[in-house]
């Protein structure tokens, strides 16, 4: 567990520019609510695995009150996890998170109803989930996926993709690796604007075709 916590700490130092100041290490230890929440979860998850009743859930609610981050004790989270700012983050009971994942404030990894069993998402490695995004249901998010801020993801996403929108759609896909240290998660293509551009081009072509037909009829 301690080795995992050290990896979580290194993830904060590596991915947050604000933590690279001379006192960055001390600031992370004393003031980073996201880091505090994941450390508490590491302890809480062990207690849950030991089948200790009541206390893990009670402790998770105390941590929620103190940090603004709610993580169910049963959630499985691999090392290198980073919650930036953290306020409003919710991680459900059957959520599984791979290595080196980054979540921003307001992210929900939740369910979609009252179904039992696996009902929360599974995130692969090197995933970045933008601020306010919702990933809902028993779906799989592949490795190296970027989820745009404010997106609502209700379908599984393959590896090496960027998804945006409500509901989220794939707007970029390829073999290029997406590093979790790339925090420019707001610099994403807008599928609505792309659609508008395509419609404008079609209207322009139709207009030119109409002019050609008129000239042809006059001749």
C-alpha atoms as a PDB file:
ATOM      1  CA  UNK A   1       0.000   0.000   0.000  1.00  0.00           C
ATOM      2  CA  UNK A   2       2.796   2.440   0.871  1.00  0.00           C
ATOM      3  CA  UNK A   3       4.492   1.843  -2.482  1.00  0.00           C
ATOM      4  CA  UNK A   4       1.192   2.639  -4.208  1.00  0.00           C
ATOM      5  CA  UNK A   5       0.785   5.865  -2.228  1.00  0.00           C
ATOM      6  CA  UNK A   6       4.296   6.920  -3.242  1.00  0.00           C
ATOM      7  CA  UNK A   7       3.364   6.384  -6.898  1.00  0.00           C
ATOM      8  CA  UNK A   8       0.234   8.496  -6.369  1.00  0.00           C
ATOM      9  CA  UNK A   9       2.388  11.236  -4.871  1.00  0.00           C
ATOM     10  CA  UNK A  10       4.814  11.137  -7.801  1.00  0.00           C
ATOM     11  CA  UNK A  11       1.849  11.383 -10.171  1.00  0.00           C
ATOM     12  CA  UNK A  12       0.866  14.707  -8.586  1.00  0.00           C
ATOM     13  CA  UNK A  13       4.405  16.064  -8.836  1.00  0.00           C
ATOM     14  CA  UNK A  14       4.745  14.940 -12.464  1.00  0.00           C
ATOM     15  CA  UNK A  15       1.368  16.186 -13.750  1.00  0.00           C
ATOM     16  CA  UNK A  16       0.596  19.362 -11.834  1.00  0.00           C
ATOM     17  CA  UNK A  17       2.789  22.349 -12.774  1.00  0.00           C
ATOM     18  CA  UNK A  18       1.803  24.084  -9.537  1.00  0.00           C
ATOM     19  CA  UNK A  19       3.524  21.325  -7.547  1.00  0.00           C
ATOM     20  CA  UNK A  20       6.958  22.060  -9.006  1.00  0.00           C
ATOM     21  CA  UNK A  21       7.689  25.130  -6.965  1.00  0.00           C
ATOM     22  CA  UNK A  22      10.375  24.967  -4.248  1.00  0.00           C
ATOM     23  CA  UNK A  23       7.749  24.092  -1.658  1.00  0.00           C
ATOM     24  CA  UNK A  24       5.698  21.944  -4.045  1.00  0.00           C
ATOM     25  CA  UNK A  25       6.303  18.700  -2.157  1.00  0.00           C
ATOM     26  CA  UNK A  26       5.157  20.232   1.122  1.00  0.00           C
ATOM     27  CA  UNK A  27       2.103  21.785  -0.550  1.00  0.00           C
ATOM     28  CA  UNK A  28       1.034  18.423  -1.969  1.00  0.00           C
ATOM     29  CA  UNK A  29       1.343  16.737   1.401  1.00  0.00           C
ATOM     30  CA  UNK A  30      -0.541  19.447   3.284  1.00  0.00           C
ATOM     31  CA  UNK A  31      -2.981  21.098   0.867  1.00  0.00           C
ATOM     32  CA  UNK A  32      -3.908  18.784  -2.035  1.00  0.00           C
ATOM     33  CA  UNK A  33      -7.402  17.466  -1.311  1.00  0.00           C
ATOM     34  CA  UNK A  34      -7.283  15.037  -4.231  1.00  0.00           C
ATOM     35  CA  UNK A  35      -4.117  13.440  -2.874  1.00  0.00           C
ATOM     36  CA  UNK A  36      -5.573  13.287   0.633  1.00  0.00           C
ATOM     37  CA  UNK A  37      -8.691  11.579  -0.749  1.00  0.00           C
ATOM     38  CA  UNK A  38      -6.748   8.874  -2.585  1.00  0.00           C
ATOM     39  CA  UNK A  39      -4.502   8.191   0.437  1.00  0.00           C
ATOM     40  CA  UNK A  40      -7.604   7.794   2.601  1.00  0.00           C
ATOM     41  CA  UNK A  41      -9.096   5.474  -0.024  1.00  0.00           C
ATOM     42  CA  UNK A  42      -5.996   3.287  -0.056  1.00  0.00           C
ATOM     43  CA  UNK A  43      -6.482   2.712   3.664  1.00  0.00           C
ATOM     44  CA  UNK A  44     -10.228   2.388   3.336  1.00  0.00           C
ATOM     45  CA  UNK A  45      -9.976  -0.161   0.526  1.00  0.00           C
ATOM     46  CA  UNK A  46      -7.788  -2.410   2.674  1.00  0.00           C
ATOM     47  CA  UNK A  47     -10.356  -2.249   5.478  1.00  0.00           C
ATOM     48  CA  UNK A  48     -13.083  -3.114   2.980  1.00  0.00           C
ATOM     49  CA  UNK A  49     -11.098  -6.131   1.755  1.00  0.00           C
ATOM     50  CA  UNK A  50     -10.791  -7.262   5.347  1.00  0.00           C
ATOM     51  CA  UNK A  51     -14.626  -7.242   5.474  1.00  0.00           C
ATOM     52  CA  UNK A  52     -14.741  -4.728   8.305  1.00  0.00           C
ATOM     53  CA  UNK A  53     -18.391  -3.567   8.488  1.00  0.00           C
ATOM     54  CA  UNK A  54     -19.686   0.007   8.574  1.00  0.00           C
ATOM     55  CA  UNK A  55     -16.403   1.800   9.278  1.00  0.00           C
ATOM     56  CA  UNK A  56     -15.111   2.027   5.661  1.00  0.00           C
ATOM     57  CA  UNK A  57     -18.339   3.663   4.450  1.00  0.00           C
ATOM     58  CA  UNK A  58     -18.448   5.988   7.444  1.00  0.00           C
ATOM     59  CA  UNK A  59     -14.806   6.952   6.941  1.00  0.00           C
ATOM     60  CA  UNK A  60     -15.391   7.597   3.220  1.00  0.00           C
ATOM     61  CA  UNK A  61     -18.150  10.063   4.148  1.00  0.00           C
ATOM     62  CA  UNK A  62     -15.812  11.872   6.538  1.00  0.00           C
ATOM     63  CA  UNK A  63     -13.242  12.128   3.746  1.00  0.00           C
ATOM     64  CA  UNK A  64     -15.954  13.403   1.415  1.00  0.00           C
ATOM     65  CA  UNK A  65     -16.818  16.161   3.892  1.00  0.00           C
ATOM     66  CA  UNK A  66     -13.160  17.162   4.253  1.00  0.00           C
ATOM     67  CA  UNK A  67     -12.033  16.929   0.610  1.00  0.00           C
ATOM     68  CA  UNK A  68     -15.148  17.123  -1.590  1.00  0.00           C
ATOM     69  CA  UNK A  69     -14.170  13.759  -3.121  1.00  0.00           C
ATOM     70  CA  UNK A  70     -16.366  10.686  -2.644  1.00  0.00           C
ATOM     71  CA  UNK A  71     -14.773   7.310  -3.369  1.00  0.00           C
ATOM     72  CA  UNK A  72     -16.586   4.113  -2.461  1.00  0.00           C
ATOM     73  CA  UNK A  73     -14.315   1.839  -0.371  1.00  0.00           C
ATOM     74  CA  UNK A  74     -14.822  -1.045  -2.835  1.00  0.00           C
ATOM     75  CA  UNK A  75     -13.576   0.886  -5.889  1.00  0.00           C
ATOM     76  CA  UNK A  76     -10.393  -0.604  -7.370  1.00  0.00           C
ATOM     77  CA  UNK A  77      -7.810   2.040  -8.260  1.00  0.00           C
ATOM     78  CA  UNK A  78      -4.343   1.249  -9.620  1.00  0.00           C
ATOM     79  CA  UNK A  79      -1.219   3.263  -8.703  1.00  0.00           C
ATOM     80  CA  UNK A  80      -0.395   6.634 -10.238  1.00  0.00           C
ATOM     81  CA  UNK A  81      -3.898   8.048  -9.743  1.00  0.00           C
ATOM     82  CA  UNK A  82      -4.241  11.856  -9.785  1.00  0.00           C
ATOM     83  CA  UNK A  83      -7.300  13.954  -8.942  1.00  0.00           C
ATOM     84  CA  UNK A  84      -6.685  17.592  -9.900  1.00  0.00           C
ATOM     85  CA  UNK A  85      -8.520  20.011  -7.555  1.00  0.00           C
ATOM     86  CA  UNK A  86     -11.028  17.241  -6.876  1.00  0.00           C
ATOM     87  CA  UNK A  87     -14.131  19.025  -5.644  1.00  0.00           C
ATOM     88  CA  UNK A  88     -17.264  17.123  -6.694  1.00  0.00           C
ATOM     89  CA  UNK A  89     -15.528  13.938  -7.859  1.00  0.00           C
ATOM     90  CA  UNK A  90     -17.623  10.787  -7.301  1.00  0.00           C
ATOM     91  CA  UNK A  91     -16.315   7.243  -7.861  1.00  0.00           C
ATOM     92  CA  UNK A  92     -18.820   4.403  -7.549  1.00  0.00           C
ATOM     93  CA  UNK A  93     -18.575   1.046  -5.839  1.00  0.00           C
ATOM     94  CA  UNK A  94     -17.706  -1.248  -8.771  1.00  0.00           C
ATOM     95  CA  UNK A  95     -15.479   1.242 -10.589  1.00  0.00           C
ATOM     96  CA  UNK A  96     -12.101  -0.072 -11.756  1.00  0.00           C
ATOM     97  CA  UNK A  97      -9.326   2.376 -12.677  1.00  0.00           C
ATOM     98  CA  UNK A  98      -6.051   1.480 -14.388  1.00  0.00           C
ATOM     99  CA  UNK A  99      -2.606   2.951 -13.895  1.00  0.00           C
ATOM    100  CA  UNK A 100      -1.762   6.631 -14.403  1.00  0.00           C
ATOM    101  CA  UNK A 101      -5.309   7.969 -14.696  1.00  0.00           C
ATOM    102  CA  UNK A 102      -6.110  11.666 -14.230  1.00  0.00           C
ATOM    103  CA  UNK A 103      -9.510  13.045 -13.179  1.00  0.00           C
ATOM    104  CA  UNK A 104     -10.426  16.723 -13.010  1.00  0.00           C
ATOM    105  CA  UNK A 105     -12.984  18.395 -10.759  1.00  0.00           C
ATOM    106  CA  UNK A 106     -16.622  17.406 -11.026  1.00  0.00           C
ATOM    107  CA  UNK A 107     -16.029  14.015 -12.657  1.00  0.00           C
ATOM    108  CA  UNK A 108     -18.523  11.235 -11.947  1.00  0.00           C
ATOM    109  CA  UNK A 109     -17.753   7.564 -12.505  1.00  0.00           C
ATOM    110  CA  UNK A 110     -21.242   6.329 -11.750  1.00  0.00           C
ATOM    111  CA  UNK A 111     -24.047   3.901 -12.504  1.00  0.00           C
ATOM    112  CA  UNK A 112     -27.196   4.295 -14.550  1.00  0.00           C
ATOM    113  CA  UNK A 113     -29.843   2.608 -12.432  1.00  0.00           C
ATOM    114  CA  UNK A 114     -30.554   0.079  -9.703  1.00  0.00           C
ATOM    115  CA  UNK A 115     -28.907  -2.890 -11.411  1.00  0.00           C
ATOM    116  CA  UNK A 116     -26.756  -5.151  -9.245  1.00  0.00           C
ATOM    117  CA  UNK A 117     -23.292  -6.520  -9.874  1.00  0.00           C
ATOM    118  CA  UNK A 118     -20.828  -4.598 -12.046  1.00  0.00           C
ATOM    119  CA  UNK A 119     -22.607  -1.311 -12.732  1.00  0.00           C
ATOM    120  CA  UNK A 120     -19.823   1.278 -12.871  1.00  0.00           C
ATOM    121  CA  UNK A 121     -17.190   1.959 -15.542  1.00  0.00           C
ATOM    122  CA  UNK A 122     -13.794   0.374 -16.027  1.00  0.00           C
ATOM    123  CA  UNK A 123     -11.024   2.776 -17.075  1.00  0.00           C
ATOM    124  CA  UNK A 124      -7.847   1.572 -18.735  1.00  0.00           C
ATOM    125  CA  UNK A 125      -4.372   3.044 -18.347  1.00  0.00           C
ATOM    126  CA  UNK A 126      -3.296   6.620 -19.112  1.00  0.00           C
ATOM    127  CA  UNK A 127      -6.862   7.954 -19.264  1.00  0.00           C
ATOM    128  CA  UNK A 128      -7.637  11.668 -18.829  1.00  0.00           C
ATOM    129  CA  UNK A 129     -11.179  12.662 -17.853  1.00  0.00           C
ATOM    130  CA  UNK A 130     -11.929  16.384 -18.234  1.00  0.00           C
ATOM    131  CA  UNK A 131     -13.728  18.621 -15.742  1.00  0.00           C
ATOM    132  CA  UNK A 132     -17.402  17.877 -15.218  1.00  0.00           C
ATOM    133  CA  UNK A 133     -17.426  14.752 -17.395  1.00  0.00           C
ATOM    134  CA  UNK A 134     -19.761  11.873 -16.510  1.00  0.00           C
ATOM    135  CA  UNK A 135     -18.848   8.268 -17.307  1.00  0.00           C
ATOM    136  CA  UNK A 136     -21.871   6.119 -16.554  1.00  0.00           C
ATOM    137  CA  UNK A 137     -22.698   2.436 -16.462  1.00  0.00           C
ATOM    138  CA  UNK A 138     -20.831  -0.835 -16.881  1.00  0.00           C
ATOM    139  CA  UNK A 139     -18.732   0.341 -19.825  1.00  0.00           C
ATOM    140  CA  UNK A 140     -15.055   0.089 -20.678  1.00  0.00           C
ATOM    141  CA  UNK A 141     -12.813   3.063 -21.419  1.00  0.00           C
ATOM    142  CA  UNK A 142      -9.700   1.945 -23.288  1.00  0.00           C
ATOM    143  CA  UNK A 143      -6.080   2.842 -22.720  1.00  0.00           C
ATOM    144  CA  UNK A 144      -4.853   6.341 -23.640  1.00  0.00           C
ATOM    145  CA  UNK A 145      -8.374   7.761 -23.960  1.00  0.00           C
ATOM    146  CA  UNK A 146      -9.132  11.467 -23.453  1.00  0.00           C
ATOM    147  CA  UNK A 147     -12.642  12.483 -22.397  1.00  0.00           C
ATOM    148  CA  UNK A 148     -13.493  16.121 -23.006  1.00  0.00           C
ATOM    149  CA  UNK A 149     -14.755  18.446 -20.274  1.00  0.00           C
ATOM    150  CA  UNK A 150     -18.516  18.242 -19.747  1.00  0.00           C
ATOM    151  CA  UNK A 151     -18.930  15.081 -21.814  1.00  0.00           C
ATOM    152  CA  UNK A 152     -21.375  12.320 -20.905  1.00  0.00           C
ATOM    153  CA  UNK A 153     -20.023   8.888 -21.811  1.00  0.00           C
ATOM    154  CA  UNK A 154     -22.531   6.025 -21.845  1.00  0.00           C
ATOM    155  CA  UNK A 155     -20.873   3.708 -24.395  1.00  0.00           C
ATOM    156  CA  UNK A 156     -17.557   1.879 -24.290  1.00  0.00           C
ATOM    157  CA  UNK A 157     -14.597   3.631 -25.917  1.00  0.00           C
ATOM    158  CA  UNK A 158     -11.703   1.773 -27.615  1.00  0.00           C
ATOM    159  CA  UNK A 159      -8.025   2.527 -27.078  1.00  0.00           C
ATOM    160  CA  UNK A 160      -6.347   5.739 -28.277  1.00  0.00           C
ATOM    161  CA  UNK A 161      -9.490   7.818 -28.744  1.00  0.00           C
ATOM    162  CA  UNK A 162     -10.706  11.297 -27.872  1.00  0.00           C
ATOM    163  CA  UNK A 163     -14.418  11.636 -27.082  1.00  0.00           C
ATOM    164  CA  UNK A 164     -16.515  14.775 -26.558  1.00  0.00           C
ATOM    165  CA  UNK A 165     -20.171  15.747 -26.399  1.00  0.00           C
ATOM    166  CA  UNK A 166     -23.500  14.760 -24.842  1.00  0.00           C
ATOM    167  CA  UNK A 167     -23.726  11.881 -25.407  1.00  0.00           C
ATOM    168  CA  UNK A 168     -20.021  11.584 -26.099  1.00  0.00           C
ATOM    169  CA  UNK A 169     -18.847  10.565 -29.568  1.00  0.00           C
ATOM    170  CA  UNK A 170     -15.386   9.640 -30.819  1.00  0.00           C
ATOM    171  CA  UNK A 171     -13.811  12.613 -32.581  1.00  0.00           C
ATOM    172  CA  UNK A 172     -10.222  11.424 -32.781  1.00  0.00           C
ATOM    173  CA  UNK A 173      -8.761   7.957 -33.064  1.00  0.00           C
ATOM    174  CA  UNK A 174      -5.323   6.659 -33.880  1.00  0.00           C
ATOM    175  CA  UNK A 175      -2.282   4.827 -32.673  1.00  0.00           C
ATOM    176  CA  UNK A 176      -0.569   7.912 -31.261  1.00  0.00           C
ATOM    177  CA  UNK A 177      -0.072   7.630 -27.530  1.00  0.00           C
ATOM    178  CA  UNK A 178      -1.796  10.251 -25.395  1.00  0.00           C
ATOM    179  CA  UNK A 179       0.261  11.127 -22.339  1.00  0.00           C
ATOM    180  CA  UNK A 180      -1.588  11.805 -19.100  1.00  0.00           C
ATOM    181  CA  UNK A 181       0.897  14.612 -18.448  1.00  0.00           C
ATOM    182  CA  UNK A 182      -0.763  16.535 -21.306  1.00  0.00           C
ATOM    183  CA  UNK A 183      -3.204  18.681 -19.377  1.00  0.00           C
ATOM    184  CA  UNK A 184      -4.606  20.546 -22.386  1.00  0.00           C
ATOM    185  CA  UNK A 185      -7.860  18.610 -22.098  1.00  0.00           C
ATOM    186  CA  UNK A 186      -9.865  21.679 -23.112  1.00  0.00           C
ATOM    187  CA  UNK A 187      -8.150  21.878 -26.501  1.00  0.00           C
ATOM    188  CA  UNK A 188     -10.419  19.360 -28.198  1.00  0.00           C
ATOM    189  CA  UNK A 189     -12.207  19.385 -31.565  1.00  0.00           C
ATOM    190  CA  UNK A 190     -15.829  20.537 -31.558  1.00  0.00           C
ATOM    191  CA  UNK A 191     -17.985  18.068 -33.546  1.00  0.00           C
ATOM    192  CA  UNK A 192     -20.857  20.572 -33.774  1.00  0.00           C
ATOM    193  CA  UNK A 193     -18.645  23.212 -35.400  1.00  0.00           C
ATOM    194  CA  UNK A 194     -17.218  20.584 -37.742  1.00  0.00           C
ATOM    195  CA  UNK A 195     -20.766  19.609 -38.760  1.00  0.00           C
ATOM    196  CA  UNK A 196     -21.695  23.260 -39.345  1.00  0.00           C
ATOM    197  CA  UNK A 197     -18.638  23.721 -41.560  1.00  0.00           C
ATOM    198  CA  UNK A 198     -19.598  20.689 -43.606  1.00  0.00           C
ATOM    199  CA  UNK A 199     -23.182  21.949 -43.989  1.00  0.00           C
ATOM    200  CA  UNK A 200     -21.909  25.387 -45.078  1.00  0.00           C
ATOM    201  CA  UNK A 201     -19.687  23.778 -47.722  1.00  0.00           C
ATOM    202  CA  UNK A 202     -22.592  21.673 -49.012  1.00  0.00           C
ATOM    203  CA  UNK A 203     -24.846  24.742 -49.205  1.00  0.00           C
ATOM    204  CA  UNK A 204     -22.144  26.584 -51.141  1.00  0.00           C
ATOM    205  CA  UNK A 205     -21.770  23.708 -53.604  1.00  0.00           C
ATOM    206  CA  UNK A 206     -25.552  23.450 -54.042  1.00  0.00           C
ATOM    207  CA  UNK A 207     -25.681  27.201 -54.719  1.00  0.00           C
ATOM    208  CA  UNK A 208     -22.995  26.930 -57.404  1.00  0.00           C
ATOM    209  CA  UNK A 209     -24.808  23.956 -58.934  1.00  0.00           C
ATOM    210  CA  UNK A 210     -28.054  25.978 -59.021  1.00  0.00           C
ATOM    211  CA  UNK A 211     -26.317  28.853 -60.813  1.00  0.00           C
ATOM    212  CA  UNK A 212     -24.849  26.445 -63.354  1.00  0.00           C
ATOM    213  CA  UNK A 213     -28.284  24.915 -64.058  1.00  0.00           C
ATOM    214  CA  UNK A 214     -29.829  28.381 -64.537  1.00  0.00           C
ATOM    215  CA  UNK A 215     -27.125  29.391 -67.019  1.00  0.00           C
ATOM    216  CA  UNK A 216     -27.471  26.083 -68.844  1.00  0.00           C
ATOM    217  CA  UNK A 217     -31.270  26.509 -69.171  1.00  0.00           C
ATOM    218  CA  UNK A 218     -30.861  30.041 -70.578  1.00  0.00           C
ATOM    219  CA  UNK A 219     -28.489  28.755 -73.218  1.00  0.00           C
END
